[in-house]
Amino acid sequence: MLDRTQAPEFHKIKEINIIRTNKATLSNQNTIYTLPLGEQELVRIEWLLEAGNFYNKLNGQAFFTLKMLQEGTRTRNSNQISADIDQYGAFLEVNNHFDQAEIILYCPTRYVSEVVPIIAEILFEPTFPESELEILKRRQSQELQINFQKTTYLAGRAFRKALFGNQHPYGKSLEIEEIEQINTDILKEFYTSYIQNTSLEILVSGYFDDSVLKVLDTYFGKYAPKTTKKPSFEITTPAHSGTIFVEKTGSLQNTIRVGKHIINKHHPDYFKLALTNTILGGYFGSRLMQNIREEKGYTYGIFSSLQNLRNASFVGIGTDVKAEFSQNTLSEIYKEIEILQNEKVSHEELERVKNYMTGSFASGITTAFSQMDLFKEIHLHQIGYGFYEKYLETIEAITPEHVLEMVQTHYQKQDLIEIVAGSN
C-alpha cells in the first residue's frame, strides 16, 4: 500500500527524448515535415505561411486577410465552412503572428480526405465578402475599445512601442481608425502577394500514414509556388528616461512592465540567461514571487520571461498591483535584481531551479503535437536540434558565477525600460 506520509523519492532527469521530424517534398517542391507518433486516431496539420505582420503595407492588413479566409469561398459561405468542418469532428485555427501566419487543422485521421479539400478551398479560392468584412471590422473595433479599458493591454502596447518604436512591425499596435481604412481591395492585394500560390511549409504530426501525405500532395502539390521577398526593418529603440506612464483615469489596478532587448537563442550564453531569469521571476518559487507576492502581498503574481521573435529577443518583467503599490513594487523589483548582482546564488537554490527547468522541459514534450511544437521553434529560429539535445548538460554546467555574470551584464537598471499603466 502507498504510504502517503512519505514524500516520493526524488530522481534527477538523466535523459530527454527529442524525436526528430522527417522531411520530404510535395510534387511542387513545397516542404513537408512529418512526425508520426501516438495511438489516438487524430492528426494535426499545419500550413506555415510567410504572411505575418512583418509584411503589412497597412497596419492590420495581414490580420484581416487571414481572418477573412474563413468567411467565404467560391462554393461556401462562412456558415457552410464551419458546418462542413464541424461535421467531421475537426477543428480549424487561423493565426496571425508578427513573423508568420499559420493555419492549423485538428482532424480525426479517417476524415483527412474529406476535410483537407475544404482547407485548400479556403487558401486558394477565398472571396472576401464585404458583408462579412464589415462584421469582422465592427467586432474588432468593439474588442479594441474594450481593450483600451484594460491596463494590461495599455502597458503591453506601450512596452512594445518603447522597445521598437512605432515604425517597426513589432512596435505597432492596431488603431480604430486603421480598422476603418481596411477594405476588400487591400486584403486581396495582400492575399495575392503573400498567400496565393506562395511557397509554404506543411507540418503533420499525430496518428497517420502515407495516405494522408498523398491527400496533401493532391491539393497542395500541384501549383507552381512563388517566393516572396521579406521586407527589412531596422530596430531602433527610441530614447527615453524614467517611467513611461500611460494614464487610465479611475483605474484601481496598475500594470507594470520592465524590460529590455536581450541576446537571442544563437548566443552561447542564452541558457545561462534563461536560468538566471527563472531564478529572478520565471517560476512560482522565484525571487520576485517570494518577495512581492508572498512577503509584501502587493500582487497575486509577478513574472519575468524571455520573449523570442524571429528578428528580436527581449526580457519582460510584469505584474498587476493596486495603484498605491506601484512605486514600492518597482523598488522591490530593482532590489531583487541588485541582490542577484552582488550575492552569488546558493547551490541549493541553483539546483532547485535546474530541476524545475529540466522537469518542465521534459514534461512539455510528451506528445506528438508538443514534439512538433519544439521542432517548429527550432526550425523558425534556425537553431538546430543540438540546441535542445544538449539541454541537460548545458543547464547542469551553469554555476553561481555564471548567474552573477548574467545579472550584472543583462539587468543593469539604466538599461531597463519601465512602463506603468493606470492611475497615479
Protein backbone atom coordinates (compact mmCIF):
# COMPACT_ATOMS: atom_id res chain seq x y z
CA MET A 1 0.00 0.00 0.00
CA LEU A 2 1.18 3.51 -0.82
CA ASP A 3 2.48 5.32 2.27
CA ARG A 4 1.18 8.86 1.87
CA THR A 5 3.11 10.09 4.89
CA GLN A 6 6.33 9.76 2.93
CA ALA A 7 7.29 12.04 0.06
CA PRO A 8 8.08 10.21 -3.18
CA GLU A 9 11.74 9.56 -3.84
CA PHE A 10 13.40 12.25 -5.95
CA HIS A 11 15.23 11.35 -9.15
CA LYS A 12 17.12 13.75 -11.39
CA ILE A 13 16.20 13.59 -15.06
CA LYS A 14 19.04 11.88 -16.90
CA GLU A 15 17.70 11.86 -20.45
CA ILE A 16 15.27 13.86 -22.58
CA ASN A 17 13.78 12.15 -25.60
CA ILE A 18 13.61 14.51 -28.57
CA ILE A 19 12.19 12.89 -31.69
CA ARG A 20 13.40 14.31 -34.98
CA THR A 21 10.92 15.00 -37.75
CA ASN A 22 11.09 13.51 -41.23
CA LYS A 23 11.49 15.89 -44.15
CA ALA A 24 10.07 15.40 -47.64
CA THR A 25 8.76 17.48 -50.51
CA LEU A 26 5.47 17.60 -52.36
CA SER A 27 5.33 17.33 -56.13
CA ASN A 28 5.83 21.09 -56.46
CA GLN A 29 8.81 21.11 -54.01
CA ASN A 30 6.88 22.61 -51.12
CA THR A 31 8.38 21.15 -47.95
CA ILE A 32 6.52 18.81 -45.64
CA TYR A 33 7.73 17.79 -42.17
CA THR A 34 6.18 14.73 -40.54
CA LEU A 35 6.15 13.24 -37.06
CA PRO A 36 4.04 10.05 -36.92
CA LEU A 37 3.53 9.39 -33.22
CA GLY A 38 0.65 8.40 -30.95
CA GLU A 39 -2.17 5.89 -30.72
CA GLN A 40 -5.27 8.07 -30.88
CA GLU A 41 -6.56 8.48 -34.42
CA LEU A 42 -6.02 12.21 -34.52
CA VAL A 43 -3.73 14.23 -36.76
CA ARG A 44 -2.64 17.85 -36.66
CA ILE A 45 -1.77 19.53 -39.96
CA GLU A 46 -0.19 22.98 -40.03
CA TRP A 47 0.36 25.23 -43.02
CA LEU A 48 3.07 27.85 -42.35
CA LEU A 49 2.99 30.99 -44.47
CA GLU A 50 5.34 33.95 -44.73
CA ALA A 51 2.39 36.29 -44.24
CA GLY A 52 2.63 37.79 -40.77
CA ASN A 53 2.51 41.41 -39.65
CA PHE A 54 6.06 41.87 -40.90
CA TYR A 55 4.61 42.06 -44.43
CA ASN A 56 1.96 44.70 -43.76
CA LYS A 57 1.78 47.73 -46.01
CA LEU A 58 -1.11 48.97 -43.89
CA ASN A 59 -1.41 48.06 -40.22
CA GLY A 60 -3.97 45.27 -39.80
CA GLN A 61 -3.69 44.08 -43.41
CA ALA A 62 -2.28 40.63 -42.57
CA PHE A 63 -4.64 40.10 -39.62
CA PHE A 64 -7.82 40.83 -41.55
CA THR A 65 -6.70 38.93 -44.65
CA LEU A 66 -6.05 35.78 -42.62
CA LYS A 67 -9.31 36.08 -40.70
CA MET A 68 -11.32 36.60 -43.88
CA LEU A 69 -10.10 33.35 -45.45
CA GLN A 70 -12.77 31.51 -43.42
CA GLU A 71 -15.56 33.94 -44.27
CA GLY A 72 -16.39 32.73 -47.76
CA THR A 73 -15.07 30.80 -50.77
CA ARG A 74 -16.24 30.15 -54.30
CA THR A 75 -18.66 27.40 -53.17
CA ARG A 76 -19.18 28.01 -49.43
CA ASN A 77 -20.18 30.88 -47.17
CA SER A 78 -18.81 31.23 -43.63
CA ASN A 79 -21.59 29.15 -42.05
CA GLN A 80 -21.10 26.33 -44.55
CA ILE A 81 -17.34 26.31 -43.97
CA SER A 82 -17.86 25.96 -40.22
CA ALA A 83 -20.57 23.32 -40.60
CA ASP A 84 -18.60 21.26 -43.11
CA ILE A 85 -15.54 21.17 -40.83
CA ASP A 86 -17.56 20.53 -37.67
CA GLN A 87 -19.45 17.57 -39.11
CA TYR A 88 -16.22 15.58 -39.26
CA GLY A 89 -15.22 16.42 -35.70
CA ALA A 90 -12.40 18.62 -36.95
CA PHE A 91 -11.24 21.97 -35.62
CA LEU A 92 -9.56 24.82 -37.51
CA GLU A 93 -7.38 27.68 -36.25
CA VAL A 94 -6.12 30.58 -38.37
CA ASN A 95 -3.41 32.53 -36.55
CA ASN A 96 -1.65 35.73 -37.49
CA HIS A 97 1.70 36.41 -35.80
CA PHE A 98 4.38 39.05 -36.12
CA ASP A 99 6.67 36.92 -38.29
CA GLN A 100 4.43 34.36 -39.97
CA ALA A 101 0.88 33.11 -40.32
CA GLU A 102 -0.36 29.59 -39.71
CA ILE A 103 -3.42 27.53 -40.46
CA ILE A 104 -3.80 24.63 -38.03
CA LEU A 105 -6.20 21.72 -38.53
CA TYR A 106 -7.00 19.08 -35.89
CA CYS A 107 -8.79 16.23 -37.60
CA PRO A 108 -9.72 12.59 -36.99
CA THR A 109 -7.31 10.72 -39.23
CA ARG A 110 -10.03 8.85 -41.11
CA TYR A 111 -11.61 12.11 -42.30
CA VAL A 112 -8.50 13.86 -43.63
CA SER A 113 -9.50 13.21 -47.26
CA GLU A 114 -12.85 14.98 -46.62
CA VAL A 115 -11.53 17.99 -44.67
CA VAL A 116 -8.26 18.85 -46.44
CA PRO A 117 -10.11 19.87 -49.66
CA ILE A 118 -12.01 22.46 -47.58
CA ILE A 119 -8.71 23.89 -46.34
CA ALA A 120 -7.43 24.02 -49.92
CA GLU A 121 -10.56 25.92 -50.94
CA ILE A 122 -10.04 28.39 -48.09
CA LEU A 123 -6.46 29.01 -49.19
CA PHE A 124 -6.96 29.01 -52.95
CA GLU A 125 -10.49 30.32 -53.50
CA PRO A 126 -11.46 32.94 -50.89
CA THR A 127 -13.95 35.60 -51.99
CA PHE A 128 -13.57 38.20 -49.19
CA PRO A 129 -17.29 39.05 -48.97
CA GLU A 130 -17.77 42.69 -47.98
CA SER A 131 -20.68 42.00 -45.65
CA GLU A 132 -18.54 39.59 -43.60
CA LEU A 133 -15.64 42.05 -43.57
CA GLU A 134 -17.87 44.78 -42.14
CA ILE A 135 -18.99 42.42 -39.37
CA LEU A 136 -15.39 41.48 -38.61
CA LYS A 137 -14.27 45.14 -38.59
CA ARG A 138 -17.11 46.09 -36.26
CA ARG A 139 -16.26 43.19 -33.93
CA GLN A 140 -12.56 44.10 -33.84
CA SER A 141 -13.33 47.77 -33.20
CA GLN A 142 -15.53 46.81 -30.26
CA GLU A 143 -12.87 44.45 -28.92
CA LEU A 144 -10.24 47.17 -29.23
CA GLN A 145 -12.44 49.66 -27.36
CA ILE A 146 -12.80 47.10 -24.55
CA ASN A 147 -9.04 46.53 -24.51
CA PHE A 148 -8.42 50.26 -24.12
CA GLN A 149 -10.10 49.95 -20.71
CA LYS A 150 -7.55 47.31 -19.59
CA THR A 151 -4.26 48.39 -18.08
CA THR A 152 -2.62 45.12 -19.12
CA TYR A 153 -3.33 45.92 -22.77
CA LEU A 154 -2.22 49.54 -22.47
CA ALA A 155 1.03 48.55 -20.77
CA GLY A 156 1.76 45.83 -23.32
CA ARG A 157 1.42 48.08 -26.34
CA ALA A 158 3.40 50.86 -24.65
CA PHE A 159 6.16 48.38 -23.80
CA ARG A 160 6.49 47.17 -27.40
CA LYS A 161 6.48 50.74 -28.69
CA ALA A 162 9.21 51.66 -26.22
CA LEU A 163 11.29 48.67 -27.33
CA PHE A 164 10.89 49.00 -31.09
CA GLY A 165 9.34 52.35 -31.93
CA ASN A 166 6.05 52.78 -33.78
CA GLN A 167 7.54 52.28 -37.26
CA HIS A 168 8.70 48.70 -36.70
CA PRO A 169 6.10 45.90 -37.07
CA TYR A 170 6.92 44.65 -33.56
CA GLY A 171 6.19 48.07 -32.10
CA LYS A 172 2.97 48.85 -33.94
CA SER A 173 -0.49 48.37 -32.44
CA LEU A 174 -3.76 48.42 -34.33
CA GLU A 175 -5.82 51.60 -34.00
CA ILE A 176 -9.55 52.01 -34.55
CA GLU A 177 -9.01 54.49 -37.42
CA GLU A 178 -6.77 51.91 -39.13
CA ILE A 179 -9.54 49.32 -38.91
CA GLU A 180 -11.87 51.76 -40.67
CA GLN A 181 -9.41 52.03 -43.59
CA ILE A 182 -9.45 48.26 -44.27
CA ASN A 183 -11.34 47.22 -47.41
CA THR A 184 -11.53 44.17 -49.66
CA ASP A 185 -9.10 45.62 -52.21
CA ILE A 186 -6.42 45.98 -49.52
CA LEU A 187 -6.99 42.40 -48.39
CA LYS A 188 -6.94 40.99 -51.92
CA GLU A 189 -3.64 42.78 -52.56
CA PHE A 190 -2.09 41.13 -49.51
CA TYR A 191 -3.58 37.76 -50.40
CA THR A 192 -2.22 37.88 -53.95
CA SER A 193 1.24 38.92 -52.79
CA TYR A 194 1.79 36.67 -49.78
CA ILE A 195 -0.75 33.81 -49.65
CA GLN A 196 -1.99 32.83 -53.11
CA ASN A 197 0.22 30.07 -54.56
CA THR A 198 3.21 31.06 -52.43
CA SER A 199 5.82 28.68 -51.08
CA LEU A 200 4.60 27.17 -47.85
CA GLU A 201 5.63 24.52 -45.36
CA ILE A 202 3.35 21.81 -44.04
CA LEU A 203 3.82 20.13 -40.66
CA VAL A 204 1.99 16.86 -39.94
CA SER A 205 2.01 15.21 -36.50
CA GLY A 206 -0.02 12.55 -34.71
CA TYR A 207 -1.52 9.31 -35.95
CA PHE A 208 -1.33 8.98 -39.74
CA ASP A 209 0.19 7.06 -42.63
CA ASP A 210 1.24 7.77 -46.22
CA SER A 211 -2.36 8.14 -47.36
CA VAL A 212 -2.53 11.49 -45.53
CA LEU A 213 0.57 12.69 -47.36
CA LYS A 214 -0.96 11.67 -50.69
CA VAL A 215 -4.05 13.75 -49.93
CA LEU A 216 -1.87 16.75 -49.10
CA ASP A 217 0.11 16.30 -52.30
CA THR A 218 -3.10 16.17 -54.31
CA TYR A 219 -4.32 19.53 -53.04
CA PHE A 220 -1.09 21.39 -52.22
CA GLY A 221 1.50 19.85 -54.52
CA LYS A 222 0.26 20.79 -58.00
CA TYR A 223 0.66 24.58 -58.33
CA ALA A 224 3.97 26.24 -59.09
CA PRO A 225 4.89 28.07 -55.86
CA LYS A 226 6.20 31.59 -55.96
CA THR A 227 8.62 33.08 -53.46
CA THR A 228 8.05 36.32 -51.62
CA LYS A 229 10.61 38.93 -50.67
CA LYS A 230 10.71 39.71 -46.98
CA PRO A 231 10.86 43.41 -46.10
CA SER A 232 13.62 44.69 -43.82
CA PHE A 233 13.16 46.90 -40.78
CA GLU A 234 15.86 48.37 -38.58
CA ILE A 235 15.30 48.06 -34.84
CA THR A 236 15.92 51.44 -33.22
CA THR A 237 14.83 51.71 -29.62
CA PRO A 238 13.57 55.29 -29.01
CA ALA A 239 15.50 57.30 -26.45
CA HIS A 240 13.69 57.80 -23.14
CA SER A 241 14.43 58.03 -19.45
CA GLY A 242 12.41 57.43 -16.33
CA THR A 243 8.99 55.81 -16.14
CA ILE A 244 6.72 55.87 -19.18
CA PHE A 245 3.29 56.41 -17.67
CA VAL A 246 0.09 55.52 -19.52
CA GLU A 247 -2.90 57.22 -17.90
CA LYS A 248 -6.08 55.21 -17.25
CA THR A 249 -8.18 57.52 -15.12
CA GLY A 250 -10.00 55.87 -12.26
CA SER A 251 -8.18 52.55 -12.52
CA LEU A 252 -7.81 50.73 -9.21
CA GLN A 253 -5.16 48.50 -10.71
CA ASN A 254 -1.86 49.46 -12.30
CA THR A 255 0.09 47.25 -14.69
CA ILE A 256 3.87 47.31 -14.59
CA ARG A 257 6.25 46.23 -17.36
CA VAL A 258 10.05 46.38 -17.04
CA GLY A 259 12.46 45.04 -19.66
CA LYS A 260 14.95 45.45 -22.46
CA HIS A 261 16.41 43.82 -25.56
CA ILE A 262 18.47 40.70 -24.84
CA ILE A 263 20.61 38.10 -26.61
CA ASN A 264 18.80 35.56 -28.79
CA LYS A 265 18.98 31.76 -28.89
CA HIS A 266 22.02 31.77 -31.15
CA HIS A 267 24.15 33.32 -28.41
CA PRO A 268 26.25 30.83 -26.38
CA ASP A 269 25.10 32.43 -23.10
CA TYR A 270 21.38 32.08 -23.83
CA PHE A 271 20.72 29.17 -21.43
CA LYS A 272 22.72 30.91 -18.69
CA LEU A 273 20.45 33.91 -19.13
CA ALA A 274 17.33 31.71 -19.22
CA LEU A 275 18.24 30.06 -15.92
CA THR A 276 19.12 33.41 -14.36
CA ASN A 277 15.77 34.82 -15.45
CA THR A 278 13.99 31.80 -13.95
CA ILE A 279 15.66 32.47 -10.59
CA LEU A 280 14.58 36.11 -10.76
CA GLY A 281 10.97 35.68 -11.88
CA GLY A 282 10.45 32.68 -14.14
CA TYR A 283 8.57 30.28 -11.85
CA PHE A 284 6.33 30.23 -8.80
CA GLY A 285 9.25 29.95 -6.37
CA SER A 286 11.21 32.81 -7.93
CA ARG A 287 12.81 35.70 -6.04
CA LEU A 288 10.20 38.18 -7.28
CA MET A 289 7.30 35.90 -6.33
CA GLN A 290 8.68 35.23 -2.87
CA ASN A 291 9.22 38.92 -2.19
CA ILE A 292 6.42 40.80 -3.93
CA ARG A 293 3.63 38.22 -3.64
CA GLU A 294 4.43 36.12 -0.56
CA GLU A 295 6.15 38.68 1.71
CA LYS A 296 4.71 42.04 0.61
CA GLY A 297 1.32 40.90 -0.68
CA TYR A 298 1.35 43.52 -3.44
CA THR A 299 0.17 41.15 -6.19
CA TYR A 300 -1.30 37.76 -6.98
CA GLY A 301 1.55 37.05 -9.33
CA ILE A 302 4.65 38.52 -10.96
CA PHE A 303 6.65 37.05 -13.83
CA SER A 304 9.82 37.58 -15.78
CA SER A 305 10.04 35.94 -19.19
CA LEU A 306 12.31 35.85 -22.22
CA GLN A 307 10.44 36.53 -25.46
CA ASN A 308 11.96 35.36 -28.73
CA LEU A 309 10.69 36.70 -32.04
CA ARG A 310 12.43 35.86 -35.29
CA ASN A 311 14.18 39.23 -35.52
CA ALA A 312 14.47 40.28 -31.88
CA SER A 313 14.51 38.99 -28.31
CA PHE A 314 13.63 40.79 -25.10
CA VAL A 315 13.03 40.23 -21.41
CA GLY A 316 9.83 41.42 -19.77
CA ILE A 317 9.01 41.63 -16.07
CA GLY A 318 5.31 42.18 -15.46
CA THR A 319 2.69 42.35 -12.74
CA ASP A 320 -0.62 43.95 -11.76
CA VAL A 321 -0.84 45.81 -8.44
CA LYS A 322 -3.03 48.31 -6.66
CA ALA A 323 -2.19 51.82 -7.82
CA GLU A 324 -0.76 52.81 -4.45
CA PHE A 325 1.72 49.90 -4.55
CA SER A 326 3.27 50.76 -7.94
CA GLN A 327 6.37 52.58 -6.75
CA ASN A 328 7.02 50.12 -3.92
CA THR A 329 6.73 47.24 -6.37
CA LEU A 330 9.22 48.82 -8.77
CA SER A 331 11.62 49.39 -5.87
CA GLU A 332 11.37 45.75 -4.83
CA ILE A 333 11.97 44.56 -8.41
CA TYR A 334 15.21 46.54 -8.57
CA LYS A 335 16.12 45.40 -5.06
CA GLU A 336 15.94 41.73 -6.09
CA ILE A 337 17.97 42.42 -9.23
CA GLU A 338 20.61 44.23 -7.16
CA ILE A 339 20.85 41.34 -4.69
CA LEU A 340 21.48 38.92 -7.55
CA GLN A 341 24.11 41.31 -8.94
CA ASN A 342 26.05 41.35 -5.67
CA GLU A 343 25.48 37.97 -4.00
CA LYS A 344 26.09 34.56 -5.52
CA VAL A 345 23.03 32.34 -5.65
CA SER A 346 23.29 29.35 -3.31
CA HIS A 347 23.98 25.90 -4.72
CA GLU A 348 20.71 24.72 -3.15
CA GLU A 349 18.62 27.34 -4.99
CA LEU A 350 20.56 26.79 -8.20
CA GLU A 351 19.88 23.04 -8.08
CA ARG A 352 16.20 23.65 -7.36
CA VAL A 353 15.86 25.87 -10.42
CA LYS A 354 17.83 23.46 -12.61
CA ASN A 355 15.49 20.65 -11.58
CA TYR A 356 12.46 22.84 -12.25
CA MET A 357 13.69 23.78 -15.73
CA THR A 358 14.64 20.26 -16.80
CA GLY A 359 11.44 18.81 -15.37
CA SER A 360 9.26 21.41 -17.08
CA PHE A 361 11.03 20.90 -20.39
CA ALA A 362 10.79 17.10 -20.23
CA SER A 363 7.12 17.11 -19.26
CA GLY A 364 6.34 19.62 -22.01
CA ILE A 365 7.36 17.37 -24.92
CA THR A 366 5.47 14.15 -24.18
CA THR A 367 3.08 14.16 -27.16
CA ALA A 368 3.42 14.26 -30.94
CA PHE A 369 1.97 17.77 -31.04
CA SER A 370 4.36 19.14 -28.38
CA GLN A 371 7.31 17.48 -30.11
CA MET A 372 6.26 19.18 -33.34
CA ASP A 373 5.92 22.49 -31.48
CA LEU A 374 9.52 22.05 -30.38
CA PHE A 375 10.59 21.37 -33.96
CA LYS A 376 8.70 24.45 -35.13
CA GLU A 377 10.63 26.60 -32.66
CA ILE A 378 13.92 25.02 -33.77
CA HIS A 379 13.02 25.47 -37.42
CA LEU A 380 11.68 29.03 -37.32
CA HIS A 381 14.60 30.30 -35.24
CA GLN A 382 17.11 28.19 -37.23
CA ILE A 383 18.91 26.96 -34.13
CA GLY A 384 19.28 23.23 -34.91
CA TYR A 385 18.31 20.17 -32.87
CA GLY A 386 21.58 20.30 -30.94
CA PHE A 387 20.27 23.37 -29.11
CA TYR A 388 17.85 21.19 -27.12
CA GLU A 389 19.55 17.80 -27.42
CA LYS A 390 22.30 19.23 -25.18
CA TYR A 391 19.76 20.86 -22.85
CA LEU A 392 20.53 18.73 -19.77
CA GLU A 393 24.30 19.06 -19.93
CA THR A 394 24.10 22.77 -20.75
CA ILE A 395 21.84 23.53 -17.78
CA GLU A 396 23.84 21.28 -15.45
CA ALA A 397 27.09 23.12 -16.26
CA ILE A 398 25.77 26.53 -15.12
CA THR A 399 27.41 27.82 -11.94
CA PRO A 400 26.64 30.58 -9.41
CA GLU A 401 29.38 32.62 -11.07
CA HIS A 402 27.56 32.38 -14.41
CA VAL A 403 24.34 33.66 -12.79
CA LEU A 404 26.21 36.59 -11.25
CA GLU A 405 27.73 37.44 -14.63
CA MET A 406 24.36 37.30 -16.42
CA VAL A 407 22.60 39.63 -13.98
CA GLN A 408 25.47 42.08 -13.99
CA THR A 409 25.56 42.06 -17.80
CA HIS A 410 21.90 41.99 -18.78
CA TYR A 411 19.90 43.59 -15.93
CA GLN A 412 21.57 46.96 -15.41
CA LYS A 413 18.90 49.36 -14.15
CA GLN A 414 19.86 52.17 -16.52
CA ASP A 415 19.19 49.89 -19.50
CA LEU A 416 15.72 48.77 -18.40
CA ILE A 417 12.56 50.27 -19.90
CA GLU A 418 9.88 50.97 -17.28
CA ILE A 419 6.15 51.17 -18.06
CA VAL A 420 3.30 51.86 -15.67
CA ALA A 421 -0.29 51.90 -16.97
CA GLY A 422 -3.13 53.02 -14.69
CA SER A 423 -3.69 55.92 -12.33
CA ASN A 424 -1.41 57.96 -10.09
